[in-house]
Amino acid sequence: MNYIKNILWIALIGFSLIALSGCQNAQMASQEALSATGNSETQQDEAIAAAQASADAAAIKANEAFQAAQTAKRVADRAVEMANQNQAALRALNDKIDRMFETISRK
């Protein structure tokens, strides 16, 4: 009877040790999961920061392209104005030449 009692105590202690180690393994697994999640959150934060930096760079390039387009539009408008002025000046010069020839023709 003492022999069975000792075996039961040893079995009880053994199961307790196994249960405690199982709990400890669960805690360690939980800590590993938290650290992995922390790394994952860090990686997500880094990915978000990289995406934000990329979006900022794209916005800066778009702004530069818009500024370049505005400058090109101003240059084109100025060229149209100058072409109109030149055309008006040529018409005026042509009219002056025509009047000069009419005057010469009369004499």
N, C-alpha and C. Protein backbone atom coordinates (compact mmCIF):
# COMPACT_ATOMS: atom_id res chain seq x y z
N MET A 1 0.82 -1.18 0.00
CA MET A 1 0.00 0.00 0.00
C MET A 1 0.87 1.24 0.00
N ASN A 2 1.91 1.28 0.77
CA ASN A 2 2.83 2.41 0.76
C ASN A 2 3.51 2.53 -0.59
N TYR A 3 3.75 1.40 -1.20
CA TYR A 3 4.38 1.40 -2.51
C TYR A 3 3.48 2.11 -3.51
N ILE A 4 2.19 1.84 -3.53
CA ILE A 4 1.23 2.46 -4.45
C ILE A 4 1.09 3.94 -4.10
N LYS A 5 1.09 4.24 -2.80
CA LYS A 5 0.98 5.62 -2.36
C LYS A 5 2.18 6.42 -2.86
N ASN A 6 3.38 5.86 -2.74
CA ASN A 6 4.58 6.54 -3.23
C ASN A 6 4.53 6.72 -4.74
N ILE A 7 4.05 5.73 -5.44
CA ILE A 7 3.95 5.83 -6.90
C ILE A 7 2.94 6.92 -7.27
N LEU A 8 1.83 6.99 -6.52
CA LEU A 8 0.84 8.04 -6.80
C LEU A 8 1.41 9.44 -6.53
N TRP A 9 2.17 9.59 -5.43
CA TRP A 9 2.80 10.87 -5.13
C TRP A 9 3.82 11.24 -6.21
N ILE A 10 4.61 10.29 -6.60
CA ILE A 10 5.60 10.56 -7.66
C ILE A 10 4.88 10.92 -8.96
N ALA A 11 3.80 10.20 -9.25
CA ALA A 11 3.04 10.51 -10.46
C ALA A 11 2.41 11.90 -10.35
N LEU A 12 1.88 12.22 -9.17
CA LEU A 12 1.28 13.54 -8.96
C LEU A 12 2.32 14.64 -9.11
N ILE A 13 3.47 14.46 -8.52
CA ILE A 13 4.56 15.44 -8.64
C ILE A 13 5.03 15.54 -10.09
N GLY A 14 5.13 14.41 -10.75
CA GLY A 14 5.54 14.39 -12.16
C GLY A 14 4.56 15.15 -13.04
N PHE A 15 3.25 14.87 -12.83
CA PHE A 15 2.24 15.58 -13.61
C PHE A 15 2.25 17.06 -13.29
N SER A 16 2.48 17.39 -12.02
CA SER A 16 2.56 18.81 -11.64
C SER A 16 3.72 19.49 -12.34
N LEU A 17 4.87 18.81 -12.36
CA LEU A 17 6.03 19.39 -13.06
C LEU A 17 5.77 19.56 -14.55
N ILE A 18 5.13 18.55 -15.12
CA ILE A 18 4.81 18.63 -16.56
C ILE A 18 3.82 19.78 -16.80
N ALA A 19 2.82 19.92 -15.92
CA ALA A 19 1.84 21.00 -16.07
C ALA A 19 2.50 22.36 -15.91
N LEU A 20 3.40 22.47 -14.91
CA LEU A 20 4.10 23.74 -14.71
C LEU A 20 4.99 24.08 -15.90
N SER A 21 5.69 23.07 -16.41
CA SER A 21 6.54 23.35 -17.57
C SER A 21 5.68 23.70 -18.79
N GLY A 22 4.51 23.07 -18.88
CA GLY A 22 3.58 23.42 -19.96
C GLY A 22 3.11 24.85 -19.85
N CYS A 23 2.82 25.29 -18.62
CA CYS A 23 2.41 26.69 -18.41
C CYS A 23 3.57 27.63 -18.74
N GLN A 24 4.78 27.20 -18.32
CA GLN A 24 5.93 28.04 -18.60
C GLN A 24 6.18 28.12 -20.09
N ASN A 25 6.02 26.99 -20.79
CA ASN A 25 6.17 27.01 -22.24
C ASN A 25 5.10 27.90 -22.89
N ALA A 26 3.89 27.86 -22.32
CA ALA A 26 2.83 28.72 -22.85
C ALA A 26 3.17 30.19 -22.62
N GLN A 27 3.73 30.51 -21.43
CA GLN A 27 4.13 31.88 -21.16
C GLN A 27 5.26 32.31 -22.09
N MET A 28 6.22 31.40 -22.30
CA MET A 28 7.33 31.72 -23.20
C MET A 28 6.81 31.91 -24.61
N ALA A 29 5.87 31.04 -25.02
CA ALA A 29 5.29 31.18 -26.35
C ALA A 29 4.53 32.49 -26.46
N SER A 30 3.84 32.86 -25.38
CA SER A 30 3.11 34.12 -25.38
C SER A 30 4.07 35.30 -25.50
N GLN A 31 5.19 35.23 -24.75
CA GLN A 31 6.18 36.30 -24.84
C GLN A 31 6.81 36.36 -26.22
N GLU A 32 7.07 35.18 -26.80
CA GLU A 32 7.62 35.16 -28.16
C GLU A 32 6.62 35.75 -29.16
N ALA A 33 5.35 35.41 -28.95
CA ALA A 33 4.32 35.96 -29.83
C ALA A 33 4.24 37.47 -29.69
N LEU A 34 4.33 37.94 -28.43
CA LEU A 34 4.30 39.39 -28.23
C LEU A 34 5.50 40.06 -28.87
N SER A 35 6.68 39.44 -28.70
CA SER A 35 7.87 40.04 -29.31
C SER A 35 7.78 39.98 -30.83
N ALA A 36 7.24 38.88 -31.35
CA ALA A 36 7.06 38.79 -32.81
C ALA A 36 6.06 39.82 -33.28
N THR A 37 4.99 40.00 -32.50
CA THR A 37 4.01 41.02 -32.85
C THR A 37 4.63 42.40 -32.75
N GLY A 38 5.46 42.59 -31.74
CA GLY A 38 6.16 43.88 -31.62
C GLY A 38 7.05 44.12 -32.82
N ASN A 39 7.77 43.09 -33.24
CA ASN A 39 8.60 43.23 -34.44
C ASN A 39 7.73 43.47 -35.66
N SER A 40 6.60 42.78 -35.69
CA SER A 40 5.69 42.96 -36.80
C SER A 40 5.14 44.38 -36.81
N GLU A 41 4.80 44.90 -35.62
CA GLU A 41 4.32 46.28 -35.54
C GLU A 41 5.43 47.24 -35.95
N THR A 42 6.66 46.92 -35.53
CA THR A 42 7.78 47.76 -35.94
C THR A 42 7.95 47.72 -37.45
N GLN A 43 7.83 46.53 -38.01
CA GLN A 43 7.94 46.41 -39.46
C GLN A 43 6.80 47.14 -40.14
N GLN A 44 5.60 47.04 -39.57
CA GLN A 44 4.47 47.76 -40.14
C GLN A 44 4.69 49.26 -40.05
N ASP A 45 5.21 49.71 -38.90
CA ASP A 45 5.50 51.15 -38.76
C ASP A 45 6.54 51.59 -39.78
N GLU A 46 7.57 50.75 -39.97
CA GLU A 46 8.60 51.08 -40.95
C GLU A 46 8.01 51.09 -42.35
N ALA A 47 7.14 50.12 -42.64
CA ALA A 47 6.51 50.08 -43.96
C ALA A 47 5.62 51.30 -44.17
N ILE A 48 4.90 51.69 -43.13
CA ILE A 48 4.04 52.88 -43.23
C ILE A 48 4.90 54.12 -43.43
N ALA A 49 6.01 54.20 -42.68
CA ALA A 49 6.90 55.36 -42.83
C ALA A 49 7.50 55.39 -44.23
N ALA A 50 7.88 54.21 -44.75
CA ALA A 50 8.44 54.16 -46.11
C ALA A 50 7.38 54.56 -47.14
N ALA A 51 6.16 54.08 -46.95
CA ALA A 51 5.09 54.45 -47.88
C ALA A 51 4.80 55.94 -47.81
N GLN A 52 4.82 56.49 -46.60
CA GLN A 52 4.59 57.93 -46.44
C GLN A 52 5.69 58.73 -47.11
N ALA A 53 6.94 58.26 -46.93
CA ALA A 53 8.06 58.96 -47.57
C ALA A 53 7.94 58.89 -49.09
N SER A 54 7.51 57.73 -49.59
CA SER A 54 7.33 57.58 -51.03
C SER A 54 6.20 58.48 -51.53
N ALA A 55 5.12 58.55 -50.76
CA ALA A 55 4.01 59.42 -51.14
C ALA A 55 4.43 60.89 -51.10
N ASP A 56 5.22 61.24 -50.09
CA ASP A 56 5.72 62.62 -50.00
C ASP A 56 6.60 62.95 -51.19
N ALA A 57 7.48 62.00 -51.55
CA ALA A 57 8.36 62.22 -52.71
C ALA A 57 7.54 62.36 -53.98
N ALA A 58 6.50 61.53 -54.13
CA ALA A 58 5.64 61.63 -55.30
C ALA A 58 4.91 62.97 -55.33
N ALA A 59 4.45 63.41 -54.16
CA ALA A 59 3.76 64.71 -54.09
C ALA A 59 4.71 65.85 -54.45
N ILE A 60 5.94 65.76 -53.98
CA ILE A 60 6.94 66.79 -54.31
C ILE A 60 7.21 66.80 -55.80
N LYS A 61 7.36 65.60 -56.40
CA LYS A 61 7.60 65.53 -57.85
C LYS A 61 6.39 66.06 -58.62
N ALA A 62 5.18 65.73 -58.14
CA ALA A 62 3.98 66.24 -58.80
C ALA A 62 3.91 67.75 -58.71
N ASN A 63 4.28 68.30 -57.55
CA ASN A 63 4.29 69.75 -57.37
C ASN A 63 5.32 70.39 -58.30
N GLU A 64 6.50 69.76 -58.40
CA GLU A 64 7.53 70.30 -59.30
C GLU A 64 7.04 70.25 -60.74
N ALA A 65 6.37 69.15 -61.12
CA ALA A 65 5.84 69.04 -62.48
C ALA A 65 4.77 70.09 -62.73
N PHE A 66 3.94 70.33 -61.72
CA PHE A 66 2.90 71.36 -61.85
C PHE A 66 3.54 72.74 -62.02
N GLN A 67 4.57 73.02 -61.22
CA GLN A 67 5.27 74.31 -61.34
C GLN A 67 5.91 74.45 -62.73
N ALA A 68 6.51 73.35 -63.21
CA ALA A 68 7.11 73.38 -64.55
C ALA A 68 6.04 73.61 -65.61
N ALA A 69 4.88 72.99 -65.45
CA ALA A 69 3.79 73.18 -66.40
C ALA A 69 3.29 74.62 -66.36
N GLN A 70 3.20 75.18 -65.16
CA GLN A 70 2.77 76.58 -65.03
C GLN A 70 3.78 77.50 -65.72
N THR A 71 5.06 77.23 -65.51
CA THR A 71 6.10 78.03 -66.16
C THR A 71 6.02 77.91 -67.68
N ALA A 72 5.83 76.68 -68.17
CA ALA A 72 5.70 76.47 -69.61
C ALA A 72 4.48 77.19 -70.16
N LYS A 73 3.38 77.19 -69.40
CA LYS A 73 2.17 77.90 -69.83
C LYS A 73 2.43 79.40 -69.91
N ARG A 74 3.12 79.93 -68.88
CA ARG A 74 3.44 81.36 -68.92
C ARG A 74 4.32 81.70 -70.12
N VAL A 75 5.31 80.85 -70.40
CA VAL A 75 6.19 81.08 -71.54
C VAL A 75 5.40 81.02 -72.84
N ALA A 76 4.49 80.04 -72.94
CA ALA A 76 3.68 79.92 -74.16
C ALA A 76 2.76 81.12 -74.32
N ASP A 77 2.14 81.57 -73.21
CA ASP A 77 1.28 82.76 -73.28
C ASP A 77 2.08 83.99 -73.71
N ARG A 78 3.26 84.11 -73.16
CA ARG A 78 4.14 85.24 -73.54
C ARG A 78 4.51 85.16 -75.02
N ALA A 79 4.79 83.94 -75.49
CA ALA A 79 5.13 83.76 -76.91
C ALA A 79 3.94 84.13 -77.79
N VAL A 80 2.74 83.77 -77.39
CA VAL A 80 1.54 84.14 -78.16
C VAL A 80 1.37 85.64 -78.18
N GLU A 81 1.55 86.29 -77.02
CA GLU A 81 1.45 87.75 -76.97
C GLU A 81 2.49 88.40 -77.88
N MET A 82 3.71 87.89 -77.84
CA MET A 82 4.77 88.47 -78.68
C MET A 82 4.45 88.24 -80.16
N ALA A 83 3.92 87.04 -80.48
CA ALA A 83 3.56 86.77 -81.88
C ALA A 83 2.46 87.72 -82.33
N ASN A 84 1.48 87.97 -81.45
CA ASN A 84 0.40 88.91 -81.80
C ASN A 84 0.95 90.32 -81.98
N GLN A 85 1.87 90.74 -81.10
CA GLN A 85 2.49 92.06 -81.24
C GLN A 85 3.28 92.16 -82.54
N ASN A 86 4.04 91.10 -82.84
CA ASN A 86 4.83 91.10 -84.09
C ASN A 86 3.92 91.16 -85.30
N GLN A 87 2.81 90.41 -85.22
CA GLN A 87 1.87 90.41 -86.35
C GLN A 87 1.25 91.80 -86.52
N ALA A 88 0.89 92.43 -85.41
CA ALA A 88 0.33 93.79 -85.48
C ALA A 88 1.37 94.76 -86.02
N ALA A 89 2.62 94.61 -85.58
CA ALA A 89 3.68 95.49 -86.08
C ALA A 89 3.92 95.29 -87.57
N LEU A 90 3.87 94.03 -88.02
CA LEU A 90 4.04 93.75 -89.46
C LEU A 90 2.89 94.34 -90.27
N ARG A 91 1.64 94.23 -89.75
CA ARG A 91 0.52 94.83 -90.46
C ARG A 91 0.69 96.35 -90.57
N ALA A 92 1.11 96.95 -89.44
CA ALA A 92 1.32 98.40 -89.45
C ALA A 92 2.42 98.77 -90.44
N LEU A 93 3.50 98.01 -90.45
CA LEU A 93 4.59 98.27 -91.39
C LEU A 93 4.13 98.07 -92.83
N ASN A 94 3.36 97.03 -93.06
CA ASN A 94 2.84 96.75 -94.40
C ASN A 94 1.92 97.88 -94.86
N ASP A 95 1.05 98.36 -93.96
CA ASP A 95 0.18 99.49 -94.31
C ASP A 95 1.00 100.73 -94.63
N LYS A 96 2.06 100.97 -93.85
CA LYS A 96 2.92 102.13 -94.09
C LYS A 96 3.61 102.03 -95.45
N ILE A 97 4.07 100.82 -95.78
CA ILE A 97 4.73 100.62 -97.08
C ILE A 97 3.72 100.83 -98.21
N ASP A 98 2.50 100.30 -98.03
CA ASP A 98 1.47 100.49 -99.06
C ASP A 98 1.17 101.98 -99.27
N ARG A 99 1.05 102.75 -98.19
CA ARG A 99 0.79 104.18 -98.31
C ARG A 99 1.97 104.88 -99.01
N MET A 100 3.19 104.42 -98.67
CA MET A 100 4.37 105.02 -99.29
C MET A 100 4.37 104.77 -100.80
N PHE A 101 4.02 103.55 -101.22
CA PHE A 101 3.97 103.25 -102.66
C PHE A 101 2.85 104.03 -103.33
N GLU A 102 1.71 104.19 -102.64
CA GLU A 102 0.63 104.98 -103.21
C GLU A 102 1.07 106.42 -103.41
N THR A 103 1.81 106.93 -102.41
CA THR A 103 2.30 108.30 -102.52
C THR A 103 3.29 108.41 -103.68
N ILE A 104 4.17 107.45 -103.82
CA ILE A 104 5.15 107.47 -104.92
C ILE A 104 4.43 107.32 -106.26
N SER A 105 3.41 106.49 -106.29
CA SER A 105 2.69 106.26 -107.53
C SER A 105 1.97 107.53 -108.00
N ARG A 106 1.49 108.32 -107.09
CA ARG A 106 0.78 109.54 -107.44
C ARG A 106 1.73 110.56 -108.05
N LYS A 107 2.93 110.56 -107.62
CA LYS A 107 3.85 111.59 -108.11
C LYS A 107 4.41 111.24 -109.42
